[in-house]
Amino acid sequence: MSILGVLSGRVREGVVGKILYAVIALSGYAILARSDRMFFTPNTVGVTVHVALALADIRHMFVIIYWPRVKRCICRRLD
């Protein structure tokens, strides 16, 4: 997903998803714009992109596995 996808209103990822994807896109751009190798030198950009990818995966797993139960519980409490 590019930064334009994050800014689009048609992409329905929520605020947290859009922030995570924006961080991934900006970190990826920073990695491409420099001359070092990402996987061999631990630096702020490399750590940022790896953490953002891990958080996006954790968010995806939560949405797939736990969100239906959480949503049912919230709806039950509100009714």
Protein backbone atom coordinates (compact mmCIF):
# COMPACT_ATOMS: atom_id res chain seq x y z
CA MET A 1 0.00 0.00 0.00
CA SER A 2 1.44 3.33 -0.97
CA ILE A 3 1.14 6.60 0.88
CA LEU A 4 -1.67 7.58 -1.52
CA GLY A 5 -3.63 4.55 -0.39
CA VAL A 6 -3.26 5.73 3.19
CA LEU A 7 -4.62 9.17 2.31
CA SER A 8 -7.52 7.82 0.26
CA GLY A 9 -10.96 7.76 1.80
CA ARG A 10 -11.83 4.60 -0.12
CA VAL A 11 -9.34 2.48 1.82
CA ARG A 12 -11.20 1.15 4.85
CA GLU A 13 -8.44 0.26 7.29
CA GLY A 14 -9.26 2.48 10.22
CA VAL A 15 -7.01 5.00 11.89
CA VAL A 16 -4.57 2.48 13.38
CA GLY A 17 -4.16 0.62 10.09
CA LYS A 18 -3.58 3.81 8.13
CA ILE A 19 -0.96 5.00 10.61
CA LEU A 20 0.85 1.65 10.46
CA TYR A 21 0.80 1.62 6.66
CA ALA A 22 2.04 5.21 6.52
CA VAL A 23 4.98 4.33 8.78
CA ILE A 24 5.78 1.31 6.61
CA ALA A 25 5.62 3.39 3.42
CA LEU A 26 7.77 6.21 4.80
CA SER A 27 10.31 3.79 6.28
CA GLY A 28 10.50 1.92 3.00
CA TYR A 29 11.13 5.16 1.16
CA ALA A 30 13.87 6.07 3.64
CA ILE A 31 15.52 2.69 3.10
CA LEU A 32 15.40 3.07 -0.67
CA ALA A 33 16.73 6.63 -0.55
CA ARG A 34 19.93 5.74 1.31
CA SER A 35 22.90 3.72 0.18
CA ASP A 36 23.39 1.35 3.16
CA ARG A 37 22.11 -2.19 3.21
CA MET A 38 19.07 -2.62 5.43
CA PHE A 39 19.52 -6.16 6.72
CA PHE A 40 23.15 -5.93 7.78
CA THR A 41 23.30 -2.61 9.64
CA PRO A 42 20.87 -2.15 12.52
CA ASN A 43 19.73 1.44 12.45
CA THR A 44 16.64 3.45 13.23
CA VAL A 45 15.04 3.10 9.81
CA GLY A 46 15.53 -0.66 9.65
CA VAL A 47 14.18 -1.16 13.15
CA THR A 48 11.22 1.13 12.41
CA VAL A 49 10.20 -0.78 9.29
CA HIS A 50 10.54 -4.16 11.02
CA VAL A 51 8.52 -3.02 14.05
CA ALA A 52 5.83 -1.46 11.84
CA LEU A 53 5.55 -4.66 9.79
CA ALA A 54 5.30 -6.73 12.97
CA LEU A 55 2.59 -4.44 14.37
CA ALA A 56 0.66 -4.61 11.10
CA ASP A 57 0.79 -8.42 11.27
CA ILE A 58 -0.33 -8.44 14.90
CA ARG A 59 -3.20 -6.09 14.04
CA HIS A 60 -4.20 -8.32 11.12
CA MET A 61 -4.19 -11.42 13.33
CA PHE A 62 -6.31 -9.61 15.96
CA VAL A 63 -8.83 -8.47 13.37
CA ILE A 64 -9.13 -11.96 11.88
CA ILE A 65 -9.14 -14.03 15.08
CA TYR A 66 -10.47 -11.93 17.96
CA TRP A 67 -12.41 -9.00 16.50
CA PRO A 68 -15.66 -10.91 15.78
CA ARG A 69 -15.87 -12.00 19.44
CA VAL A 70 -14.94 -8.55 20.74
CA LYS A 71 -17.48 -6.94 18.42
CA ARG A 72 -20.25 -9.31 19.61
CA CYS A 73 -19.36 -8.57 23.25
CA ILE A 74 -19.43 -4.80 22.66
CA CYS A 75 -22.75 -4.99 20.81
CA ARG A 76 -24.25 -7.16 23.56
CA ARG A 77 -23.17 -4.70 26.26
CA LEU A 78 -24.55 -1.73 24.32
CA ASP A 79 -27.96 -3.38 23.71
